[in-house]
PDB file of all heavy atoms in Angstrom:
ATOM      1  N   LEU A   1      40.820 -20.761  30.101  1.00  0.00           N
ATOM      2  CA  LEU A   1      41.282 -20.691  31.480  1.00  0.00           C
ATOM      3  C   LEU A   1      42.802 -20.541  31.452  1.00  0.00           C
ATOM      4  O   LEU A   1      43.500 -21.354  30.837  1.00  0.00           O
ATOM      5  CB  LEU A   1      40.922 -21.966  32.246  1.00  0.00           C
ATOM      6  CG  LEU A   1      39.434 -22.312  32.404  1.00  0.00           C
ATOM      7  CD1 LEU A   1      39.295 -23.641  33.140  1.00  0.00           C
ATOM      8  CD2 LEU A   1      38.702 -21.218  33.147  1.00  0.00           C
ATOM      9  N   VAL A   2      43.312 -19.496  32.093  1.00  0.00           N
ATOM     10  CA  VAL A   2      44.750 -19.287  32.173  1.00  0.00           C
ATOM     11  C   VAL A   2      45.234 -19.856  33.505  1.00  0.00           C
ATOM     12  O   VAL A   2      44.758 -19.448  34.575  1.00  0.00           O
ATOM     13  CB  VAL A   2      45.104 -17.795  32.058  1.00  0.00           C
ATOM     14  CG1 VAL A   2      46.618 -17.603  32.177  1.00  0.00           C
ATOM     15  CG2 VAL A   2      44.603 -17.236  30.724  1.00  0.00           C
ATOM     16  N   LEU A   3      46.163 -20.817  33.426  1.00  0.00           N
ATOM     17  CA  LEU A   3      46.642 -21.505  34.617  1.00  0.00           C
ATOM     18  C   LEU A   3      47.947 -20.897  35.116  1.00  0.00           C
ATOM     19  O   LEU A   3      48.744 -20.366  34.349  1.00  0.00           O
ATOM     20  CB  LEU A   3      46.856 -22.992  34.331  1.00  0.00           C
ATOM     21  CG  LEU A   3      45.645 -23.770  33.823  1.00  0.00           C
ATOM     22  CD1 LEU A   3      45.983 -25.253  33.717  1.00  0.00           C
ATOM     23  CD2 LEU A   3      44.431 -23.565  34.716  1.00  0.00           C
ATOM     24  N   GLY A   4      48.163 -21.016  36.433  1.00  0.00           N
ATOM     25  CA  GLY A   4      49.400 -20.571  37.044  1.00  0.00           C
ATOM     26  C   GLY A   4      50.292 -21.751  37.366  1.00  0.00           C
ATOM     27  O   GLY A   4      50.123 -22.856  36.846  1.00  0.00           O
ATOM     28  N   SER A   5      51.245 -21.556  38.255  1.00  0.00           N
ATOM     29  CA  SER A   5      52.173 -22.607  38.641  1.00  0.00           C
ATOM     30  C   SER A   5      51.690 -23.288  39.919  1.00  0.00           C
ATOM     31  O   SER A   5      50.689 -22.897  40.513  1.00  0.00           O
ATOM     32  CB  SER A   5      53.568 -22.015  38.856  1.00  0.00           C
ATOM     33  OG  SER A   5      53.515 -21.004  39.859  1.00  0.00           O
ATOM     34  N   GLY A   6      52.425 -24.318  40.333  1.00  0.00           N
ATOM     35  CA  GLY A   6      52.087 -25.004  41.579  1.00  0.00           C
ATOM     36  C   GLY A   6      50.970 -26.015  41.454  1.00  0.00           C
ATOM     37  O   GLY A   6      50.336 -26.381  42.452  1.00  0.00           O
ATOM     38  N   ASN A   7      50.697 -26.506  40.250  1.00  0.00           N
ATOM     39  CA  ASN A   7      49.674 -27.535  40.048  1.00  0.00           C
ATOM     40  C   ASN A   7      50.221 -28.889  40.502  1.00  0.00           C
ATOM     41  O   ASN A   7      51.355 -29.242  40.182  1.00  0.00           O
ATOM     42  CB  ASN A   7      49.275 -27.598  38.572  1.00  0.00           C
ATOM     43  CG  ASN A   7      48.818 -26.246  38.057  1.00  0.00           C
ATOM     44  OD1 ASN A   7      47.777 -25.742  38.462  1.00  0.00           O
ATOM     45  ND2 ASN A   7      49.604 -25.645  37.174  1.00  0.00           N
ATOM     46  N   THR A   8      49.418 -29.646  41.239  1.00  0.00           N
ATOM     47  CA  THR A   8      49.883 -30.918  41.799  1.00  0.00           C
ATOM     48  C   THR A   8      48.798 -31.977  41.765  1.00  0.00           C
ATOM     49  O   THR A   8      47.610 -31.666  41.612  1.00  0.00           O
ATOM     50  CB  THR A   8      50.338 -30.750  43.272  1.00  0.00           C
ATOM     51  OG1 THR A   8      49.208 -30.313  44.058  1.00  0.00           O
ATOM     52  CG2 THR A   8      51.468 -29.750  43.402  1.00  0.00           C
ATOM     53  N   VAL A   9      49.236 -33.237  41.941  1.00  0.00           N
ATOM     54  CA  VAL A   9      48.305 -34.348  42.163  1.00  0.00           C
ATOM     55  C   VAL A   9      48.719 -35.041  43.458  1.00  0.00           C
ATOM     56  O   VAL A   9      49.911 -35.170  43.742  1.00  0.00           O
ATOM     57  CB  VAL A   9      48.301 -35.361  40.998  1.00  0.00           C
ATOM     58  CG1 VAL A   9      47.725 -34.738  39.741  1.00  0.00           C
ATOM     59  CG2 VAL A   9      49.702 -35.902  40.725  1.00  0.00           C
ATOM     60  N   LYS A  10      47.733 -35.467  44.225  1.00  0.00           N
ATOM     61  CA  LYS A  10      47.990 -36.265  45.418  1.00  0.00           C
ATOM     62  C   LYS A  10      47.522 -37.671  45.122  1.00  0.00           C
ATOM     63  O   LYS A  10      46.338 -37.908  44.865  1.00  0.00           O
ATOM     64  CB  LYS A  10      47.251 -35.692  46.630  1.00  0.00           C
ATOM     65  CG  LYS A  10      47.574 -36.394  47.941  1.00  0.00           C
ATOM     66  CD  LYS A  10      46.885 -35.694  49.113  1.00  0.00           C
ATOM     67  CE  LYS A  10      47.268 -36.336  50.441  1.00  0.00           C
ATOM     68  NZ  LYS A  10      46.607 -35.649  51.584  1.00  0.00           N
ATOM     69  N   LEU A  11      48.445 -38.615  45.127  1.00  0.00           N
ATOM     70  CA  LEU A  11      48.160 -39.978  44.717  1.00  0.00           C
ATOM     71  C   LEU A  11      47.439 -40.751  45.818  1.00  0.00           C
ATOM     72  O   LEU A  11      47.293 -40.282  46.949  1.00  0.00           O
ATOM     73  CB  LEU A  11      49.448 -40.687  44.324  1.00  0.00           C
ATOM     74  CG  LEU A  11      50.309 -39.968  43.268  1.00  0.00           C
ATOM     75  CD1 LEU A  11      51.534 -40.795  42.938  1.00  0.00           C
ATOM     76  CD2 LEU A  11      49.500 -39.663  42.024  1.00  0.00           C
ATOM     77  N   ALA A  12      47.018 -41.966  45.476  1.00  0.00           N
ATOM     78  CA  ALA A  12      46.277 -42.800  46.429  1.00  0.00           C
ATOM     79  C   ALA A  12      47.105 -43.113  47.667  1.00  0.00           C
ATOM     80  O   ALA A  12      46.568 -43.298  48.761  1.00  0.00           O
ATOM     81  CB  ALA A  12      45.824 -44.092  45.745  1.00  0.00           C
ATOM     82  N   ASP A  13      48.453 -43.172  47.517  1.00  0.00           N
ATOM     83  CA  ASP A  13      49.315 -43.487  48.663  1.00  0.00           C
ATOM     84  C   ASP A  13      49.652 -42.262  49.505  1.00  0.00           C
ATOM     85  O   ASP A  13      50.427 -42.338  50.460  1.00  0.00           O
ATOM     86  CB  ASP A  13      50.604 -44.168  48.198  1.00  0.00           C
ATOM     87  CG  ASP A  13      51.449 -43.270  47.283  1.00  0.00           C
ATOM     88  OD1 ASP A  13      51.100 -42.084  47.110  1.00  0.00           O
ATOM     89  OD2 ASP A  13      52.454 -43.766  46.746  1.00  0.00           O
ATOM     90  N   GLY A  14      49.099 -41.097  49.144  1.00  0.00           N
ATOM     91  CA  GLY A  14      49.317 -39.882  49.912  1.00  0.00           C
ATOM     92  C   GLY A  14      50.466 -39.023  49.432  1.00  0.00           C
ATOM     93  O   GLY A  14      50.634 -37.892  49.899  1.00  0.00           O
ATOM     94  N   SER A  15      51.283 -39.522  48.509  1.00  0.00           N
ATOM     95  CA  SER A  15      52.398 -38.728  47.993  1.00  0.00           C
ATOM     96  C   SER A  15      51.888 -37.655  47.039  1.00  0.00           C
ATOM     97  O   SER A  15      50.879 -37.830  46.356  1.00  0.00           O
ATOM     98  CB  SER A  15      53.406 -39.629  47.286  1.00  0.00           C
ATOM     99  OG  SER A  15      52.813 -40.266  46.159  1.00  0.00           O
ATOM    100  N   VAL A  16      52.588 -36.519  47.004  1.00  0.00           N
ATOM    101  CA  VAL A  16      52.215 -35.391  46.156  1.00  0.00           C
ATOM    102  C   VAL A  16      53.239 -35.240  45.040  1.00  0.00           C
ATOM    103  O   VAL A  16      54.452 -35.228  45.288  1.00  0.00           O
ATOM    104  CB  VAL A  16      52.126 -34.093  46.977  1.00  0.00           C
ATOM    105  CG1 VAL A  16      51.812 -32.907  46.070  1.00  0.00           C
ATOM    106  CG2 VAL A  16      51.063 -34.224  48.068  1.00  0.00           C
ATOM    107  N   GLN A  17      52.752 -35.145  43.800  1.00  0.00           N
ATOM    108  CA  GLN A  17      53.614 -35.022  42.628  1.00  0.00           C
ATOM    109  C   GLN A  17      53.229 -33.771  41.842  1.00  0.00           C
ATOM    110  O   GLN A  17      52.056 -33.382  41.813  1.00  0.00           O
ATOM    111  CB  GLN A  17      53.480 -36.247  41.720  1.00  0.00           C
ATOM    112  CG  GLN A  17      53.832 -37.571  42.379  1.00  0.00           C
ATOM    113  CD  GLN A  17      55.301 -37.694  42.673  1.00  0.00           C
ATOM    114  OE1 GLN A  17      56.131 -37.067  42.000  1.00  0.00           O
ATOM    115  NE2 GLN A  17      55.661 -38.500  43.678  1.00  0.00           N
ATOM    116  N   PRO A  18      54.204 -33.120  41.193  1.00  0.00           N
ATOM    117  CA  PRO A  18      53.864 -31.959  40.364  1.00  0.00           C
ATOM    118  C   PRO A  18      53.023 -32.369  39.159  1.00  0.00           C
ATOM    119  O   PRO A  18      53.221 -33.442  38.589  1.00  0.00           O
ATOM    120  CB  PRO A  18      55.227 -31.409  39.941  1.00  0.00           C
ATOM    121  CG  PRO A  18      56.181 -32.540  40.102  1.00  0.00           C
ATOM    122  CD  PRO A  18      55.655 -33.384  41.227  1.00  0.00           C
ATOM    123  N   LEU A  19      52.087 -31.519  38.784  1.00  0.00           N
ATOM    124  CA  LEU A  19      51.248 -31.716  37.596  1.00  0.00           C
ATOM    125  C   LEU A  19      51.741 -30.745  36.533  1.00  0.00           C
ATOM    126  O   LEU A  19      51.595 -29.523  36.678  1.00  0.00           O
ATOM    127  CB  LEU A  19      49.780 -31.472  37.927  1.00  0.00           C
ATOM    128  CG  LEU A  19      48.776 -31.603  36.773  1.00  0.00           C
ATOM    129  CD1 LEU A  19      48.813 -33.010  36.178  1.00  0.00           C
ATOM    130  CD2 LEU A  19      47.370 -31.263  37.256  1.00  0.00           C
ATOM    131  N   LYS A  20      52.335 -31.296  35.489  1.00  0.00           N
ATOM    132  CA  LYS A  20      52.971 -30.468  34.462  1.00  0.00           C
ATOM    133  C   LYS A  20      51.942 -29.940  33.466  1.00  0.00           C
ATOM    134  O   LYS A  20      51.080 -30.682  32.987  1.00  0.00           O
ATOM    135  CB  LYS A  20      54.026 -31.293  33.713  1.00  0.00           C
ATOM    136  CG  LYS A  20      54.779 -30.519  32.641  1.00  0.00           C
ATOM    137  CD  LYS A  20      55.821 -31.401  31.957  1.00  0.00           C
ATOM    138  CE  LYS A  20      56.542 -30.645  30.863  1.00  0.00           C
ATOM    139  NZ  LYS A  20      57.543 -31.506  30.158  1.00  0.00           N
ATOM    140  N   VAL A  21      52.050 -28.651  33.164  1.00  0.00           N
ATOM    141  CA  VAL A  21      51.195 -28.019  32.156  1.00  0.00           C
ATOM    142  C   VAL A  21      52.015 -27.868  30.883  1.00  0.00           C
ATOM    143  O   VAL A  21      53.046 -27.181  30.890  1.00  0.00           O
ATOM    144  CB  VAL A  21      50.691 -26.643  32.622  1.00  0.00           C
ATOM    145  CG1 VAL A  21      49.847 -25.988  31.536  1.00  0.00           C
ATOM    146  CG2 VAL A  21      49.893 -26.781  33.912  1.00  0.00           C
ATOM    147  N   PRO A  22      51.626 -28.515  29.779  1.00  0.00           N
ATOM    148  CA  PRO A  22      52.396 -28.429  28.533  1.00  0.00           C
ATOM    149  C   PRO A  22      52.576 -26.986  28.069  1.00  0.00           C
ATOM    150  O   PRO A  22      51.718 -26.127  28.307  1.00  0.00           O
ATOM    151  CB  PRO A  22      51.561 -29.238  27.534  1.00  0.00           C
ATOM    152  CG  PRO A  22      50.766 -30.180  28.384  1.00  0.00           C
ATOM    153  CD  PRO A  22      50.465 -29.407  29.637  1.00  0.00           C
ATOM    154  N   SER A  23      53.701 -26.732  27.398  1.00  0.00           N
ATOM    155  CA  SER A  23      54.008 -25.374  26.951  1.00  0.00           C
ATOM    156  C   SER A  23      52.944 -24.820  26.012  1.00  0.00           C
ATOM    157  O   SER A  23      52.705 -23.617  25.976  1.00  0.00           O
ATOM    158  CB  SER A  23      55.377 -25.350  26.260  1.00  0.00           C
ATOM    159  OG  SER A  23      55.396 -26.245  25.160  1.00  0.00           O
ATOM    160  N   GLY A  24      52.270 -25.696  25.273  1.00  0.00           N
ATOM    161  CA  GLY A  24      51.239 -25.235  24.350  1.00  0.00           C
ATOM    162  C   GLY A  24      50.020 -24.659  25.034  1.00  0.00           C
ATOM    163  O   GLY A  24      49.156 -24.070  24.385  1.00  0.00           O
ATOM    164  N   MET A  25      49.931 -24.836  26.356  1.00  0.00           N
ATOM    165  CA  MET A  25      48.783 -24.316  27.101  1.00  0.00           C
ATOM    166  C   MET A  25      49.124 -23.086  27.932  1.00  0.00           C
ATOM    167  O   MET A  25      48.317 -22.631  28.731  1.00  0.00           O
ATOM    168  CB  MET A  25      48.226 -25.399  28.033  1.00  0.00           C
ATOM    169  CG  MET A  25      47.653 -26.577  27.307  1.00  0.00           C
ATOM    170  SD  MET A  25      47.042 -27.822  28.441  1.00  0.00           S
ATOM    171  CE  MET A  25      46.700 -29.152  27.302  1.00  0.00           C
ATOM    172  N   GLN A  26      50.327 -22.538  27.748  1.00  0.00           N
ATOM    173  CA  GLN A  26      50.729 -21.382  28.548  1.00  0.00           C
ATOM    174  C   GLN A  26      49.818 -20.182  28.287  1.00  0.00           C
ATOM    175  O   GLN A  26      49.647 -19.322  29.155  1.00  0.00           O
ATOM    176  CB  GLN A  26      52.188 -21.020  28.265  1.00  0.00           C
ATOM    177  CG  GLN A  26      53.176 -22.124  28.634  1.00  0.00           C
ATOM    178  CD  GLN A  26      53.080 -22.555  30.088  1.00  0.00           C
ATOM    179  OE1 GLN A  26      52.872 -21.731  30.959  1.00  0.00           O
ATOM    180  NE2 GLN A  26      53.221 -23.840  30.344  1.00  0.00           N
ATOM    181  N   SER A  27      49.256 -20.105  27.088  1.00  0.00           N
ATOM    182  CA  SER A  27      48.350 -18.994  26.781  1.00  0.00           C
ATOM    183  C   SER A  27      46.934 -19.262  27.259  1.00  0.00           C
ATOM    184  O   SER A  27      46.067 -18.395  27.150  1.00  0.00           O
ATOM    185  CB  SER A  27      48.332 -18.734  25.272  1.00  0.00           C
ATOM    186  OG  SER A  27      47.826 -19.865  24.572  1.00  0.00           O
ATOM    187  N   GLY A  28      46.690 -20.455  27.794  1.00  0.00           N
ATOM    188  CA  GLY A  28      45.369 -20.767  28.319  1.00  0.00           C
ATOM    189  C   GLY A  28      44.788 -22.027  27.711  1.00  0.00           C
ATOM    190  O   GLY A  28      45.124 -22.413  26.592  1.00  0.00           O
ATOM    191  N   ILE A  29      43.923 -22.676  28.489  1.00  0.00           N
ATOM    192  CA  ILE A  29      43.191 -23.847  28.006  1.00  0.00           C
ATOM    193  C   ILE A  29      41.942 -23.341  27.294  1.00  0.00           C
ATOM    194  O   ILE A  29      41.067 -22.724  27.908  1.00  0.00           O
ATOM    195  CB  ILE A  29      42.785 -24.767  29.169  1.00  0.00           C
ATOM    196  CG1 ILE A  29      44.031 -25.218  29.944  1.00  0.00           C
ATOM    197  CG2 ILE A  29      42.004 -25.957  28.664  1.00  0.00           C
ATOM    198  CD1 ILE A  29      43.687 -25.941  31.229  1.00  0.00           C
ATOM    199  N   LYS A  30      41.856 -23.582  26.008  1.00  0.00           N
ATOM    200  CA  LYS A  30      40.752 -23.035  25.223  1.00  0.00           C
ATOM    201  C   LYS A  30      39.540 -23.954  25.255  1.00  0.00           C
ATOM    202  O   LYS A  30      39.672 -25.176  25.205  1.00  0.00           O
ATOM    203  CB  LYS A  30      41.199 -22.786  23.791  1.00  0.00           C
ATOM    204  CG  LYS A  30      42.253 -21.679  23.674  1.00  0.00           C
ATOM    205  CD  LYS A  30      42.642 -21.417  22.237  1.00  0.00           C
ATOM    206  CE  LYS A  30      43.606 -20.248  22.129  1.00  0.00           C
ATOM    207  NZ  LYS A  30      44.879 -20.465  22.793  1.00  0.00           N
ATOM    208  N   LEU A  31      38.348 -23.349  25.331  1.00  0.00           N
ATOM    209  CA  LEU A  31      37.084 -24.081  25.333  1.00  0.00           C
ATOM    210  C   LEU A  31      36.234 -23.558  24.191  1.00  0.00           C
ATOM    211  O   LEU A  31      36.096 -22.344  24.000  1.00  0.00           O
ATOM    212  CB  LEU A  31      36.303 -23.861  26.637  1.00  0.00           C
ATOM    213  CG  LEU A  31      36.895 -24.296  27.966  1.00  0.00           C
ATOM    214  CD1 LEU A  31      37.898 -23.283  28.477  1.00  0.00           C
ATOM    215  CD2 LEU A  31      35.764 -24.449  28.981  1.00  0.00           C
ATOM    216  N   ILE A  32      35.668 -24.466  23.424  1.00  0.00           N
ATOM    217  CA  ILE A  32      34.706 -24.089  22.388  1.00  0.00           C
ATOM    218  C   ILE A  32      33.333 -23.996  23.033  1.00  0.00           C
ATOM    219  O   ILE A  32      32.856 -24.951  23.653  1.00  0.00           O
ATOM    220  CB  ILE A  32      34.688 -25.111  21.237  1.00  0.00           C
ATOM    221  CG1 ILE A  32      36.097 -25.252  20.641  1.00  0.00           C
ATOM    222  CG2 ILE A  32      33.692 -24.700  20.169  1.00  0.00           C
ATOM    223  CD1 ILE A  32      36.676 -23.961  20.101  1.00  0.00           C
ATOM    224  N   VAL A  33      32.691 -22.847  22.905  1.00  0.00           N
ATOM    225  CA  VAL A  33      31.376 -22.631  23.506  1.00  0.00           C
ATOM    226  C   VAL A  33      30.405 -22.170  22.425  1.00  0.00           C
ATOM    227  O   VAL A  33      30.804 -21.873  21.296  1.00  0.00           O
ATOM    228  CB  VAL A  33      31.443 -21.595  24.648  1.00  0.00           C
ATOM    229  CG1 VAL A  33      32.346 -22.093  25.772  1.00  0.00           C
ATOM    230  CG2 VAL A  33      31.936 -20.242  24.142  1.00  0.00           C
ATOM    231  N   ASN A  34      29.142 -22.095  22.790  1.00  0.00           N
ATOM    232  CA  ASN A  34      28.122 -21.675  21.822  1.00  0.00           C
ATOM    233  C   ASN A  34      26.927 -21.102  22.575  1.00  0.00           C
ATOM    234  O   ASN A  34      25.990 -21.813  22.882  1.00  0.00           O
ATOM    235  CB  ASN A  34      27.694 -22.862  20.953  1.00  0.00           C
ATOM    236  CG  ASN A  34      26.680 -22.464  19.887  1.00  0.00           C
ATOM    237  OD1 ASN A  34      26.656 -21.313  19.448  1.00  0.00           O
ATOM    238  ND2 ASN A  34      25.825 -23.411  19.487  1.00  0.00           N
ATOM    239  N   PHE A  35      27.000 -19.818  22.885  1.00  0.00           N
ATOM    240  CA  PHE A  35      25.872 -19.199  23.572  1.00  0.00           C
ATOM    241  C   PHE A  35      25.830 -17.706  23.275  1.00  0.00           C
ATOM    242  O   PHE A  35      26.794 -17.108  22.800  1.00  0.00           O
ATOM    243  CB  PHE A  35      25.912 -19.454  25.078  1.00  0.00           C
ATOM    244  CG  PHE A  35      27.217 -19.141  25.745  1.00  0.00           C
ATOM    245  CD1 PHE A  35      27.650 -17.840  25.937  1.00  0.00           C
ATOM    246  CD2 PHE A  35      28.034 -20.165  26.186  1.00  0.00           C
ATOM    247  CE1 PHE A  35      28.842 -17.560  26.546  1.00  0.00           C
ATOM    248  CE2 PHE A  35      29.241 -19.895  26.805  1.00  0.00           C
ATOM    249  CZ  PHE A  35      29.651 -18.586  26.987  1.00  0.00           C
ATOM    250  N   ASP A  36      24.672 -17.130  23.547  1.00  0.00           N
ATOM    251  CA  ASP A  36      24.438 -15.706  23.330  1.00  0.00           C
ATOM    252  C   ASP A  36      24.216 -15.017  24.664  1.00  0.00           C
ATOM    253  O   ASP A  36      23.558 -15.566  25.560  1.00  0.00           O
ATOM    254  CB  ASP A  36      23.216 -15.484  22.436  1.00  0.00           C
ATOM    255  CG  ASP A  36      23.425 -16.056  21.042  1.00  0.00           C
ATOM    256  OD1 ASP A  36      24.251 -15.491  20.300  1.00  0.00           O
ATOM    257  OD2 ASP A  36      22.782 -17.064  20.712  1.00  0.00           O
ATOM    258  N   VAL A  37      24.767 -13.826  24.795  1.00  0.00           N
ATOM    259  CA  VAL A  37      24.523 -12.979  25.960  1.00  0.00           C
ATOM    260  C   VAL A  37      23.628 -11.832  25.506  1.00  0.00           C
ATOM    261  O   VAL A  37      24.027 -11.018  24.664  1.00  0.00           O
ATOM    262  CB  VAL A  37      25.841 -12.436  26.544  1.00  0.00           C
ATOM    263  CG1 VAL A  37      25.558 -11.488  27.702  1.00  0.00           C
ATOM    264  CG2 VAL A  37      26.737 -13.580  27.000  1.00  0.00           C
ATOM    265  N   ALA A  38      22.411 -11.783  26.039  1.00  0.00           N
ATOM    266  CA  ALA A  38      21.467 -10.731  25.673  1.00  0.00           C
ATOM    267  C   ALA A  38      21.678  -9.506  26.556  1.00  0.00           C
ATOM    268  O   ALA A  38      22.106  -9.612  27.710  1.00  0.00           O
ATOM    269  CB  ALA A  38      20.031 -11.237  25.821  1.00  0.00           C
ATOM    270  N   ALA A  39      21.410  -8.329  26.012  1.00  0.00           N
ATOM    271  CA  ALA A  39      21.579  -7.084  26.751  1.00  0.00           C
ATOM    272  C   ALA A  39      20.714  -7.092  28.013  1.00  0.00           C
ATOM    273  O   ALA A  39      19.542  -7.487  27.988  1.00  0.00           O
ATOM    274  CB  ALA A  39      21.204  -5.904  25.865  1.00  0.00           C
ATOM    275  N   GLY A  40      21.313  -6.683  29.126  1.00  0.00           N
ATOM    276  CA  GLY A  40      20.572  -6.562  30.368  1.00  0.00           C
ATOM    277  C   GLY A  40      20.294  -7.868  31.075  1.00  0.00           C
ATOM    278  O   GLY A  40      19.522  -7.898  32.031  1.00  0.00           O
ATOM    279  N   THR A  41      20.922  -8.973  30.625  1.00  0.00           N
ATOM    280  CA  THR A  41      20.691 -10.278  31.261  1.00  0.00           C
ATOM    281  C   THR A  41      22.003 -10.820  31.822  1.00  0.00           C
ATOM    282  O   THR A  41      23.084 -10.345  31.490  1.00  0.00           O
ATOM    283  CB  THR A  41      20.114 -11.299  30.267  1.00  0.00           C
ATOM    284  OG1 THR A  41      21.108 -11.590  29.257  1.00  0.00           O
ATOM    285  CG2 THR A  41      18.857 -10.772  29.600  1.00  0.00           C
ATOM    286  N   THR A  42      21.886 -11.849  32.673  1.00  0.00           N
ATOM    287  CA  THR A  42      23.056 -12.520  33.240  1.00  0.00           C
ATOM    288  C   THR A  42      23.098 -13.960  32.761  1.00  0.00           C
ATOM    289  O   THR A  42      22.113 -14.686  32.888  1.00  0.00           O
ATOM    290  CB  THR A  42      23.014 -12.493  34.778  1.00  0.00           C
ATOM    291  OG1 THR A  42      23.049 -11.136  35.223  1.00  0.00           O
ATOM    292  CG2 THR A  42      24.220 -13.232  35.361  1.00  0.00           C
ATOM    293  N   LYS A  43      24.218 -14.344  32.207  1.00  0.00           N
ATOM    294  CA  LYS A  43      24.405 -15.709  31.711  1.00  0.00           C
ATOM    295  C   LYS A  43      25.196 -16.521  32.739  1.00  0.00           C
ATOM    296  O   LYS A  43      26.246 -16.088  33.219  1.00  0.00           O
ATOM    297  CB  LYS A  43      25.169 -15.681  30.390  1.00  0.00           C
ATOM    298  CG  LYS A  43      25.419 -17.044  29.763  1.00  0.00           C
ATOM    299  CD  LYS A  43      24.135 -17.651  29.218  1.00  0.00           C
ATOM    300  CE  LYS A  43      23.597 -16.880  28.037  1.00  0.00           C
ATOM    301  NZ  LYS A  43      22.409 -17.523  27.446  1.00  0.00           N
TER     302      LYS A  43
END
């Protein structure tokens, strides 16, 4: 998942704070998956 800017958290008291994305994730949040896509099907 490739993230953009403007990520935030809204705390229990209603205040909004920026949610920082570490520099190591600028290329995307990587997920390890394990599945096959067969021809002519939808996964």
